[in-house]
Amino acid sequence: MADLAFLIESDNWDKPPSLASPAKPTRILVLGAGMAGLVAGYELMNQGYDVRIFEARATAGGRVQTLREGFTDGVYADAGATFIPDAHGLPSYYAGLLKLSLVDFSGSDLPGIYYVKGQKILYPAGSGTPVDWPYALTATEKAMGLEKMQNTYGSPPDLLGSPKGGSTDVVRLQVEDAVSLNAYMTSKGASVGAVELLNVGFNQLMGEGPSSYSAAVSLSGDHYLSSNIQNGAPDIKRVEGGNDLLPAALAAKLGSRISYSTEVVQIAQDESGVRVTCQAKDGQHVASADYVICTLPFSVLRNIPVIPAFGAALAQALQTVSYTSVTRIFLQMREQFWRTQGQSGKIVSDQSMTVVYPGYNPASQQGTLGLYMASANARRIGALSLDEQIEFALGQIEPVYPEVRQNFVAGVSKVWDADPFSKGAYAWFTPGQMGSLVAVMATPQGRIYFAGDHASTLTGWIQGAMASGLRAAQNIAATASQKQAAAYPG
């Protein structure tokens, strides 16, 4: 089984590890051209491995998707991965390698709006102005302010705070994995009102809400972020021109090694190798290899026949792990009226819209307002027609920005549950599952190795996906080198 301490350590890599080169031709099939598969394939290719990638979609990137169709004047919106924290070394490394520009996330220098209990509250208010939150906070919590409450109740002091991956980090992850995020904050002394306030917005975007998922999911994911994430702090970036330019640039390096519109329908292995059956536009094909890196979401992999069947622990994880329902609706605006008001355009809400992120198009000076919903809200709104989704979105934003209808140009949405090659947005873990399942999901089964953000302690992040792909590549390279050395000694 994969070592949890090493998973923690490698999830914090800021550059790819060195890989052993093959002593003889070694073929590797990578299933999925998302961020995990692309970086694994790219690094293995550079070391001389014979790499081939099968991707069911017509383009690379997986859940790093930028929507362009349906907008006008070159406007675009990132419907999957939204931003890249400065502290995430791997996406920053590859962006630099591929000559892509990372720029501050839109509006990160301006305050946003909390729309709670029917009130519009500018946050941060500026000049140290205290905020009178409409929640039953204790006197101590009122004096703390939101940022200190987030640090005190919602962030661990050291968990995964440095890439050492030692026993202390493992113990802390397991302790915090034992309870939900709500229970964790309560155990740290948060009042009912403080928990309610802290759960407005971002905390609602995982699983079925903060009472459903392990505290470790949130805390391990938040250790590198400032507590101002909901307000667009300047430590988060995006790829200038759209985040899909990052996977597109990696895919261009791999070229014809990637087969698009090629869906995996069966995986088989024995002592001699691995065989993957795929359905392409021209029919079914069988490809053979020495090893496979499977990056398919478990929501998809669980429906693909595997011969022989996976071991009991992985089979249970395969059927147990859940994926967050996410629906995102983007409204193109004629002008960024929020910026003329000195605001970022970000809305953090206790309404169904949950979080609204602004988008910025420098070329046209137009922009987008994008609603981000999860769990029951995502399923309810995702079941509507596009016109109904747009009307819902306009109605949600209008109490905050009455100008939204007169500035509306076009609307586009992405319902991740309806994506056949994702079947949900990102994995989430109930209390107790993160410590028990992640290592299992990262453990090879014979010649089949696993990668994807679900096989990391950073579920839902590009960093976690990339780290897992590099980890699988490193492990395969080490295994192949050892076997070849044994077969062909000195």
Protein backbone atom coordinates (compact mmCIF):
# COMPACT_ATOMS: atom_id res chain seq x y z
CA MET A 1 0.00 0.00 0.00
CA ALA A 2 1.15 3.53 -0.70
CA ASP A 3 2.68 5.22 2.33
CA LEU A 4 0.48 8.06 3.63
CA ALA A 5 3.50 10.08 4.77
CA PHE A 6 4.97 9.92 1.25
CA LEU A 7 1.63 10.94 -0.25
CA ILE A 8 1.60 14.02 1.97
CA GLU A 9 5.20 14.84 1.11
CA SER A 10 4.84 14.36 -2.64
CA ASP A 11 1.58 16.32 -2.80
CA ASN A 12 3.77 19.30 -1.85
CA TRP A 13 6.32 18.84 -4.65
CA ASP A 14 7.16 22.07 -6.45
CA LYS A 15 8.97 20.41 -9.37
CA PRO A 16 8.92 16.94 -10.95
CA PRO A 17 11.09 14.22 -9.41
CA SER A 18 13.87 12.56 -11.37
CA LEU A 19 12.88 9.39 -13.22
CA ALA A 20 15.01 6.38 -14.04
CA SER A 21 15.45 5.86 -17.78
CA PRO A 22 14.51 2.47 -19.26
CA ALA A 23 17.31 0.05 -20.08
CA LYS A 24 15.16 -1.51 -22.80
CA PRO A 25 12.00 -0.40 -24.62
CA THR A 26 9.15 -0.01 -22.13
CA ARG A 27 5.62 0.84 -23.19
CA ILE A 28 3.23 2.69 -20.90
CA LEU A 29 -0.44 3.37 -21.53
CA VAL A 30 -1.95 6.37 -19.76
CA LEU A 31 -5.72 6.36 -19.39
CA GLY A 32 -6.97 9.93 -19.40
CA ALA A 33 -5.39 13.17 -20.64
CA GLY A 34 -6.24 15.25 -17.60
CA MET A 35 -3.51 16.98 -15.62
CA ALA A 36 -2.34 13.76 -13.94
CA GLY A 37 -2.06 11.84 -17.19
CA LEU A 38 -0.45 14.70 -19.10
CA VAL A 39 2.39 15.36 -16.66
CA ALA A 40 3.03 11.63 -16.20
CA GLY A 41 3.12 11.08 -19.94
CA TYR A 42 5.25 14.15 -20.57
CA GLU A 43 7.95 13.25 -18.03
CA LEU A 44 8.04 9.58 -19.02
CA MET A 45 8.28 10.54 -22.70
CA ASN A 46 11.22 12.81 -21.93
CA GLN A 47 13.03 9.90 -20.27
CA GLY A 48 12.66 7.65 -23.30
CA TYR A 49 9.57 5.60 -22.42
CA ASP A 50 7.13 4.65 -25.17
CA VAL A 51 4.02 6.51 -24.02
CA ARG A 52 0.52 6.44 -25.43
CA ILE A 53 -2.45 8.27 -23.89
CA PHE A 54 -6.13 7.43 -24.43
CA GLU A 55 -8.58 10.27 -23.86
CA ALA A 56 -12.35 9.85 -24.15
CA ARG A 57 -12.96 13.55 -24.77
CA ALA A 58 -12.09 15.38 -27.97
CA THR A 59 -9.64 17.60 -26.09
CA ALA A 60 -7.13 17.26 -23.27
CA GLY A 61 -7.49 18.71 -19.79
CA GLY A 62 -10.04 16.56 -18.01
CA ARG A 63 -11.78 18.80 -15.50
CA VAL A 64 -9.62 21.77 -16.42
CA GLN A 65 -12.17 23.13 -18.88
CA THR A 66 -12.52 26.66 -20.22
CA LEU A 67 -15.84 27.51 -21.83
CA ARG A 68 -15.67 29.70 -24.94
CA GLU A 69 -18.59 28.60 -27.11
CA GLY A 70 -21.77 30.53 -26.34
CA PHE A 71 -19.97 33.74 -25.42
CA THR A 72 -19.17 36.66 -27.70
CA ASP A 73 -16.21 39.04 -28.14
CA GLY A 74 -13.63 36.52 -26.98
CA VAL A 75 -15.11 36.14 -23.49
CA TYR A 76 -14.35 32.85 -21.75
CA ALA A 77 -14.92 31.24 -18.35
CA ASP A 78 -13.13 28.48 -16.45
CA ALA A 79 -15.74 25.86 -15.61
CA GLY A 80 -13.49 23.40 -13.81
CA ALA A 81 -10.26 24.35 -12.08
CA THR A 82 -10.76 28.02 -11.24
CA PHE A 83 -7.55 29.26 -9.69
CA ILE A 84 -3.98 28.28 -8.84
CA PRO A 85 -2.60 29.22 -5.41
CA ASP A 86 0.89 30.71 -5.40
CA ALA A 87 1.97 27.97 -3.03
CA HIS A 88 1.16 25.28 -5.61
CA GLY A 89 4.56 24.61 -7.06
CA LEU A 90 3.72 22.13 -9.81
CA PRO A 91 1.20 24.10 -11.90
CA SER A 92 3.43 27.15 -11.49
CA TYR A 93 6.46 25.12 -12.59
CA TYR A 94 4.78 23.77 -15.73
CA ALA A 95 3.25 27.14 -16.59
CA GLY A 96 6.74 28.63 -16.53
CA LEU A 97 8.19 25.73 -18.51
CA LEU A 98 5.52 26.12 -21.17
CA LYS A 99 5.84 29.93 -21.34
CA LEU A 100 2.35 30.60 -19.98
CA SER A 101 1.57 33.68 -17.92
CA LEU A 102 0.02 33.36 -14.47
CA VAL A 103 -1.84 36.50 -13.44
CA ASP A 104 -3.73 37.52 -10.32
CA PHE A 105 -7.20 36.09 -10.07
CA SER A 106 -9.75 38.68 -11.21
CA GLY A 107 -10.61 41.31 -8.63
CA SER A 108 -8.24 39.95 -6.01
CA ASP A 109 -7.27 43.51 -5.06
CA LEU A 110 -10.84 44.62 -4.35
CA PRO A 111 -13.44 43.77 -1.68
CA GLY A 112 -16.28 41.39 -2.37
CA ILE A 113 -19.83 41.09 -1.10
CA TYR A 114 -21.18 38.78 1.57
CA TYR A 115 -24.90 38.42 0.89
CA VAL A 116 -26.24 36.84 4.09
CA LYS A 117 -29.57 36.96 5.89
CA GLY A 118 -30.77 39.28 3.13
CA GLN A 119 -28.02 41.84 3.84
CA LYS A 120 -25.23 43.05 1.56
CA ILE A 121 -21.97 43.35 3.49
CA LEU A 122 -18.81 44.69 1.83
CA TYR A 123 -15.85 42.53 2.87
CA PRO A 124 -13.18 43.32 3.66
CA ALA A 125 -14.77 46.61 4.61
CA GLY A 126 -11.48 48.52 4.51
CA SER A 127 -9.60 50.68 6.99
CA GLY A 128 -10.13 48.12 9.71
CA THR A 129 -13.87 48.86 9.89
CA PRO A 130 -15.51 46.13 12.02
CA VAL A 131 -18.30 44.14 10.41
CA ASP A 132 -21.60 43.64 12.24
CA TRP A 133 -22.33 40.10 11.11
CA PRO A 134 -25.99 39.01 11.37
CA TYR A 135 -25.08 35.90 13.35
CA ALA A 136 -25.19 35.03 17.04
CA LEU A 137 -21.46 35.39 17.70
CA THR A 138 -19.89 35.52 21.13
CA ALA A 139 -18.27 38.75 22.29
CA THR A 140 -14.86 37.14 21.77
CA GLU A 141 -15.76 36.12 18.21
CA LYS A 142 -17.02 39.59 17.38
CA ALA A 143 -13.69 40.98 18.53
CA MET A 144 -11.81 38.38 16.48
CA GLY A 145 -13.32 39.31 13.14
CA LEU A 146 -13.86 36.88 10.27
CA GLU A 147 -10.24 36.28 9.31
CA LYS A 148 -9.13 35.40 12.83
CA MET A 149 -12.18 33.16 13.28
CA GLN A 150 -11.21 31.33 10.09
CA ASN A 151 -7.66 30.88 11.36
CA THR A 152 -8.74 29.86 14.86
CA TYR A 153 -11.58 27.49 14.05
CA GLY A 154 -11.11 26.40 10.45
CA SER A 155 -7.37 25.94 9.94
CA PRO A 156 -4.90 23.60 11.61
CA PRO A 157 -1.73 25.17 13.03
CA ASP A 158 0.74 22.91 11.24
CA LEU A 159 -1.08 20.11 9.39
CA LEU A 160 0.71 19.57 6.10
CA GLY A 161 2.20 23.02 6.56
CA SER A 162 5.56 21.89 5.21
CA PRO A 163 6.40 19.13 2.76
CA LYS A 164 7.96 16.77 5.26
CA GLY A 165 5.23 14.12 5.31
CA GLY A 166 6.40 12.81 8.65
CA SER A 167 4.55 10.80 11.28
CA THR A 168 3.28 13.96 12.99
CA ASP A 169 1.51 15.07 9.82
CA VAL A 170 0.03 11.60 9.35
CA VAL A 171 -1.32 11.51 12.90
CA ARG A 172 -2.84 14.97 12.57
CA LEU A 173 -4.47 14.08 9.27
CA GLN A 174 -5.94 10.93 10.80
CA VAL A 175 -7.20 12.77 13.89
CA GLU A 176 -8.89 15.47 11.83
CA ASP A 177 -10.18 12.86 9.40
CA ALA A 178 -12.19 11.30 12.22
CA VAL A 179 -14.68 14.18 12.37
CA SER A 180 -16.66 16.38 10.01
CA LEU A 181 -15.59 19.96 9.37
CA ASN A 182 -18.52 21.19 11.45
CA ALA A 183 -17.53 18.97 14.36
CA TYR A 184 -13.91 20.08 14.05
CA MET A 185 -14.80 23.77 14.25
CA THR A 186 -17.07 23.13 17.22
CA SER A 187 -14.28 21.23 18.96
CA LYS A 188 -12.02 24.26 18.49
CA GLY A 189 -14.55 26.39 20.39
CA ALA A 190 -16.64 27.89 17.59
CA SER A 191 -20.15 28.94 18.57
CA VAL A 192 -23.18 27.87 16.55
CA GLY A 193 -23.26 31.34 14.99
CA ALA A 194 -19.57 31.23 14.10
CA VAL A 195 -19.94 27.82 12.43
CA GLU A 196 -22.91 29.15 10.46
CA LEU A 197 -20.94 32.21 9.30
CA LEU A 198 -17.78 30.27 8.43
CA ASN A 199 -19.83 27.82 6.39
CA VAL A 200 -21.28 30.50 4.14
CA GLY A 201 -19.86 30.05 0.66
CA PHE A 202 -16.73 28.02 0.06
CA ASN A 203 -17.28 25.35 2.74
CA GLN A 204 -20.52 24.38 0.98
CA LEU A 205 -18.70 23.39 -2.21
CA MET A 206 -17.56 19.94 -1.06
CA GLY A 207 -19.64 16.80 -0.74
CA GLU A 208 -23.06 17.40 0.79
CA GLY A 209 -21.90 20.30 2.91
CA PRO A 210 -19.58 20.73 5.92
CA SER A 211 -21.47 18.34 8.17
CA SER A 212 -20.94 15.54 5.64
CA TYR A 213 -17.25 15.57 4.80
CA SER A 214 -14.07 14.90 6.73
CA ALA A 215 -12.39 17.91 8.30
CA ALA A 216 -9.12 16.62 6.85
CA VAL A 217 -10.43 17.17 3.30
CA SER A 218 -10.86 20.86 3.96
CA LEU A 219 -7.89 21.36 6.24
CA SER A 220 -5.33 19.57 4.08
CA GLY A 221 -6.61 21.53 1.10
CA ASP A 222 -6.47 24.87 2.90
CA HIS A 223 -3.02 24.69 4.50
CA TYR A 224 -1.35 26.70 1.73
CA LEU A 225 -4.07 29.32 1.31
CA SER A 226 -4.55 32.58 3.13
CA SER A 227 -7.76 32.80 5.10
CA ASN A 228 -8.94 35.39 2.60
CA ILE A 229 -9.60 32.80 -0.11
CA GLN A 230 -13.30 33.64 -0.19
CA ASN A 231 -12.41 37.27 -0.81
CA GLY A 232 -9.96 36.66 -3.63
CA ALA A 233 -6.69 37.27 -1.79
CA PRO A 234 -3.73 38.07 -4.11
CA ASP A 235 -2.08 34.68 -3.47
CA ILE A 236 -4.26 32.97 -6.09
CA LYS A 237 -3.57 33.01 -9.82
CA ARG A 238 -5.07 31.95 -13.12
CA VAL A 239 -3.60 31.25 -16.55
CA GLU A 240 -3.90 34.33 -18.69
CA GLY A 241 -6.22 33.46 -21.58
CA GLY A 242 -7.91 30.55 -19.80
CA ASN A 243 -6.73 27.71 -17.57
CA ASP A 244 -7.21 25.21 -20.41
CA LEU A 245 -4.08 26.63 -22.04
CA LEU A 246 -2.02 24.70 -19.48
CA PRO A 247 -3.21 21.20 -20.48
CA ALA A 248 -3.31 22.27 -24.13
CA ALA A 249 0.37 23.20 -24.00
CA LEU A 250 1.31 19.88 -22.38
CA ALA A 251 -0.82 18.01 -24.91
CA ALA A 252 0.97 19.80 -27.75
CA LYS A 253 4.29 18.47 -26.44
CA LEU A 254 2.90 14.92 -26.45
CA GLY A 255 1.42 15.36 -29.93
CA SER A 256 0.24 12.19 -31.68
CA ARG A 257 0.94 10.11 -28.58
CA ILE A 258 -2.55 11.16 -27.45
CA SER A 259 -5.55 9.40 -29.01
CA TYR A 260 -8.68 11.53 -28.57
CA SER A 261 -12.32 10.40 -28.61
CA THR A 262 -11.01 7.03 -27.45
CA GLU A 263 -12.96 5.55 -24.54
CA VAL A 264 -11.58 2.76 -22.36
CA VAL A 265 -14.04 -0.16 -22.18
CA GLN A 266 -11.92 -2.92 -20.60
CA ILE A 267 -8.61 -3.37 -18.77
CA ALA A 268 -6.89 -6.74 -18.46
CA GLN A 269 -3.49 -7.77 -17.11
CA ASP A 270 -1.39 -10.86 -16.48
CA GLU A 271 2.25 -11.62 -15.80
CA SER A 272 3.25 -10.66 -19.34
CA GLY A 273 1.64 -7.22 -19.50
CA VAL A 274 -1.51 -5.14 -19.69
CA ARG A 275 -4.13 -4.96 -22.44
CA VAL A 276 -6.56 -2.06 -22.74
CA THR A 277 -9.60 -2.26 -25.00
CA CYS A 278 -10.83 1.10 -26.31
CA GLN A 279 -13.79 2.27 -28.33
CA ALA A 280 -12.75 4.82 -30.96
CA LYS A 281 -14.68 6.38 -33.82
CA ASP A 282 -13.48 3.65 -36.20
CA GLY A 283 -14.26 0.75 -33.87
CA GLN A 284 -12.69 -1.13 -31.00
CA HIS A 285 -8.94 -1.51 -30.59
CA VAL A 286 -6.75 -3.41 -28.13
CA ALA A 287 -3.44 -1.90 -27.03
CA SER A 288 -0.78 -3.77 -25.09
CA ALA A 289 1.82 -2.33 -22.74
CA ASP A 290 4.16 -3.12 -19.89
CA TYR A 291 2.35 -0.80 -17.48
CA VAL A 292 -0.77 1.35 -17.23
CA ILE A 293 -1.33 4.63 -15.41
CA CYS A 294 -5.06 4.91 -14.81
CA THR A 295 -6.20 8.47 -14.09
CA LEU A 296 -9.90 7.88 -14.69
CA PRO A 297 -12.20 9.18 -11.95
CA PHE A 298 -13.44 6.32 -9.80
CA SER A 299 -16.99 7.41 -10.70
CA VAL A 300 -16.12 6.26 -14.24
CA LEU A 301 -13.66 3.45 -13.51
CA ARG A 302 -16.17 1.56 -11.36
CA ASN A 303 -18.21 0.84 -14.51
CA ILE A 304 -15.30 -0.51 -16.58
CA PRO A 305 -14.60 -4.29 -16.52
CA VAL A 306 -11.16 -5.15 -15.10
CA ILE A 307 -9.64 -8.63 -15.51
CA PRO A 308 -8.74 -9.98 -13.02
CA ALA A 309 -10.80 -7.91 -10.60
CA PHE A 310 -9.03 -5.50 -8.29
CA GLY A 311 -8.22 -6.56 -4.75
CA ALA A 312 -10.87 -6.25 -2.04
CA ALA A 313 -9.59 -2.98 -0.53
CA LEU A 314 -9.47 -1.12 -3.83
CA ALA A 315 -12.75 -2.66 -5.00
CA GLN A 316 -14.41 -1.31 -1.87
CA ALA A 317 -12.84 2.14 -2.36
CA LEU A 318 -13.94 2.09 -6.00
CA GLN A 319 -17.57 1.62 -5.00
CA THR A 320 -17.45 3.79 -1.87
CA VAL A 321 -15.84 7.09 -2.86
CA SER A 322 -18.30 9.79 -3.87
CA TYR A 323 -17.96 12.76 -6.22
CA THR A 324 -19.31 16.23 -5.52
CA SER A 325 -22.24 17.41 -7.62
CA VAL A 326 -21.34 20.79 -9.10
CA THR A 327 -23.23 23.11 -11.44
CA ARG A 328 -21.70 26.34 -12.69
CA ILE A 329 -23.55 29.07 -14.59
CA PHE A 330 -21.74 31.95 -16.28
CA LEU A 331 -23.36 35.22 -17.28
CA GLN A 332 -21.57 37.43 -19.81
CA MET A 333 -21.86 41.11 -18.94
CA ARG A 334 -21.52 44.10 -21.30
CA GLU A 335 -19.31 45.82 -18.76
CA GLN A 336 -17.72 45.06 -15.42
CA PHE A 337 -19.95 47.43 -13.51
CA TRP A 338 -18.77 45.98 -10.19
CA ARG A 339 -15.26 47.28 -10.75
CA THR A 340 -16.51 50.82 -11.35
CA GLN A 341 -18.13 50.47 -7.92
CA GLY A 342 -14.76 49.54 -6.41
CA GLN A 343 -15.73 45.90 -5.90
CA SER A 344 -14.25 42.60 -7.04
CA GLY A 345 -17.54 41.12 -8.23
CA LYS A 346 -17.12 38.16 -5.88
CA ILE A 347 -20.25 37.24 -3.94
CA VAL A 348 -20.25 34.82 -1.00
CA SER A 349 -23.82 33.91 -0.20
CA ASP A 350 -26.13 31.86 1.99
CA GLN A 351 -28.44 31.58 -1.04
CA SER A 352 -28.39 28.81 -3.66
CA MET A 353 -25.79 30.62 -5.77
CA THR A 354 -23.26 29.93 -2.93
CA VAL A 355 -20.21 31.66 -4.48
CA VAL A 356 -20.04 33.99 -7.49
CA TYR A 357 -16.64 34.47 -9.11
CA PRO A 358 -16.01 37.31 -11.56
CA GLY A 359 -14.23 36.77 -14.85
CA TYR A 360 -12.20 39.38 -16.68
CA ASN A 361 -11.56 39.79 -20.39
CA PRO A 362 -8.99 42.60 -20.90
CA ALA A 363 -9.36 42.61 -24.68
CA SER A 364 -13.05 43.60 -24.68
CA GLN A 365 -13.41 45.01 -21.16
CA GLN A 366 -16.36 42.68 -20.79
CA GLY A 367 -16.56 40.06 -18.10
CA THR A 368 -18.56 37.26 -16.53
CA LEU A 369 -20.24 36.54 -13.24
CA GLY A 370 -20.11 32.82 -12.54
CA LEU A 371 -22.30 31.01 -10.01
CA TYR A 372 -20.71 27.99 -8.32
CA MET A 373 -23.11 25.55 -6.63
CA ALA A 374 -22.66 22.10 -5.15
CA SER A 375 -24.64 19.18 -3.67
CA ALA A 376 -28.46 19.43 -3.69
CA ASN A 377 -28.47 22.94 -5.18
CA ALA A 378 -26.25 21.77 -8.03
CA ARG A 379 -28.49 18.80 -8.78
CA ARG A 380 -31.70 20.84 -8.60
CA ILE A 381 -30.46 23.66 -10.83
CA GLY A 382 -28.48 21.34 -13.09
CA ALA A 383 -31.70 19.53 -14.01
CA LEU A 384 -33.18 22.73 -15.50
CA SER A 385 -32.90 23.84 -19.12
CA LEU A 386 -30.19 26.36 -19.98
CA ASP A 387 -32.75 29.16 -20.28
CA GLU A 388 -34.13 28.27 -16.85
CA GLN A 389 -30.63 28.14 -15.40
CA ILE A 390 -29.87 31.60 -16.77
CA GLU A 391 -33.10 33.03 -15.37
CA PHE A 392 -32.30 31.46 -11.99
CA ALA A 393 -28.80 32.96 -12.05
CA LEU A 394 -30.04 36.43 -12.93
CA GLY A 395 -32.61 36.23 -10.14
CA GLN A 396 -29.96 35.17 -7.62
CA ILE A 397 -27.56 38.01 -8.46
CA GLU A 398 -30.14 40.77 -8.95
CA PRO A 399 -30.63 41.54 -5.21
CA VAL A 400 -26.89 42.14 -4.95
CA TYR A 401 -26.34 43.82 -8.32
CA PRO A 402 -29.59 45.26 -9.77
CA GLU A 403 -27.64 46.13 -12.95
CA VAL A 404 -27.19 42.48 -13.89
CA ARG A 405 -30.18 42.16 -16.25
CA GLN A 406 -29.50 45.31 -18.25
CA ASN A 407 -25.88 44.19 -18.72
CA PHE A 408 -26.64 40.56 -19.58
CA VAL A 409 -25.36 39.35 -22.96
CA ALA A 410 -25.24 35.55 -22.92
CA GLY A 411 -25.20 32.59 -20.56
CA VAL A 412 -23.38 29.24 -20.51
CA SER A 413 -23.43 26.45 -17.93
CA LYS A 414 -21.55 23.30 -16.97
CA VAL A 415 -23.28 20.49 -15.07
CA TRP A 416 -20.53 18.16 -13.92
CA ASP A 417 -22.84 15.30 -12.95
CA ALA A 418 -23.99 15.20 -16.59
CA ASP A 419 -20.45 14.88 -17.96
CA PRO A 420 -20.16 11.18 -18.95
CA PHE A 421 -16.39 11.18 -18.55
CA SER A 422 -16.43 12.73 -15.09
CA LYS A 423 -19.79 11.93 -13.48
CA GLY A 424 -19.24 14.56 -10.80
CA ALA A 425 -16.68 17.23 -10.12
CA TYR A 426 -14.18 16.01 -7.50
CA ALA A 427 -13.96 13.23 -4.93
CA TRP A 428 -14.98 13.85 -1.34
CA PHE A 429 -14.57 11.76 1.78
CA THR A 430 -16.83 11.20 4.75
CA PRO A 431 -15.18 11.26 8.22
CA GLY A 432 -12.67 8.43 8.43
CA GLN A 433 -12.42 7.86 4.69
CA MET A 434 -9.53 10.12 3.77
CA GLY A 435 -7.01 8.33 5.96
CA SER A 436 -8.29 4.91 4.94
CA LEU A 437 -9.07 5.34 1.23
CA VAL A 438 -6.54 7.73 -0.31
CA ALA A 439 -3.57 5.43 0.28
CA VAL A 440 -5.57 2.50 -1.09
CA MET A 441 -6.52 4.46 -4.21
CA ALA A 442 -2.87 5.36 -4.80
CA THR A 443 -1.60 1.77 -4.42
CA PRO A 444 -0.75 -0.12 -7.66
CA GLN A 445 -2.63 -3.28 -8.60
CA GLY A 446 -0.07 -5.41 -10.36
CA ARG A 447 0.96 -3.49 -13.49
CA ILE A 448 -1.79 -0.89 -13.08
CA TYR A 449 -0.84 2.34 -11.32
CA PHE A 450 -3.28 5.05 -10.26
CA ALA A 451 -3.24 8.82 -10.42
CA GLY A 452 -5.66 11.72 -10.29
CA ASP A 453 -6.51 14.24 -7.59
CA HIS A 454 -8.65 11.56 -5.92
CA ALA A 455 -5.42 9.62 -5.27
CA SER A 456 -3.90 12.53 -3.35
CA THR A 457 -4.48 14.50 -0.17
CA LEU A 458 -5.40 17.51 -2.35
CA THR A 459 -8.64 16.36 -3.93
CA GLY A 460 -10.07 18.88 -6.36
CA TRP A 461 -6.78 20.70 -7.03
CA ILE A 462 -4.47 20.71 -10.06
CA GLN A 463 -1.53 20.33 -7.67
CA GLY A 464 -2.94 17.07 -6.31
CA ALA A 465 -3.59 15.71 -9.80
CA MET A 466 -0.11 16.60 -11.05
CA ALA A 467 1.61 15.24 -7.95
CA SER A 468 -0.22 11.94 -8.23
CA GLY A 469 0.68 11.60 -11.90
CA LEU A 470 4.35 12.26 -11.21
CA ARG A 471 4.26 9.84 -8.30
CA ALA A 472 2.87 7.08 -10.53
CA ALA A 473 5.48 7.83 -13.19
CA GLN A 474 8.28 7.73 -10.63
CA ASN A 475 7.06 4.42 -9.21
CA ILE A 476 6.74 2.80 -12.64
CA ALA A 477 10.18 4.02 -13.66
CA ALA A 478 11.70 2.63 -10.47
CA THR A 479 9.90 -0.71 -10.86
CA ALA A 480 10.86 -1.07 -14.53
CA SER A 481 14.48 -0.22 -13.76
CA GLN A 482 14.68 -2.79 -10.97
CA LYS A 483 13.09 -5.55 -13.06
CA GLN A 484 15.35 -4.82 -16.01
CA ALA A 485 18.42 -4.78 -13.78
CA ALA A 486 17.43 -8.16 -12.36
CA ALA A 487 16.79 -9.60 -15.83
CA TYR A 488 19.99 -8.19 -17.33
CA PRO A 489 22.59 -8.05 -14.53
CA GLY A 490 25.89 -6.17 -15.09
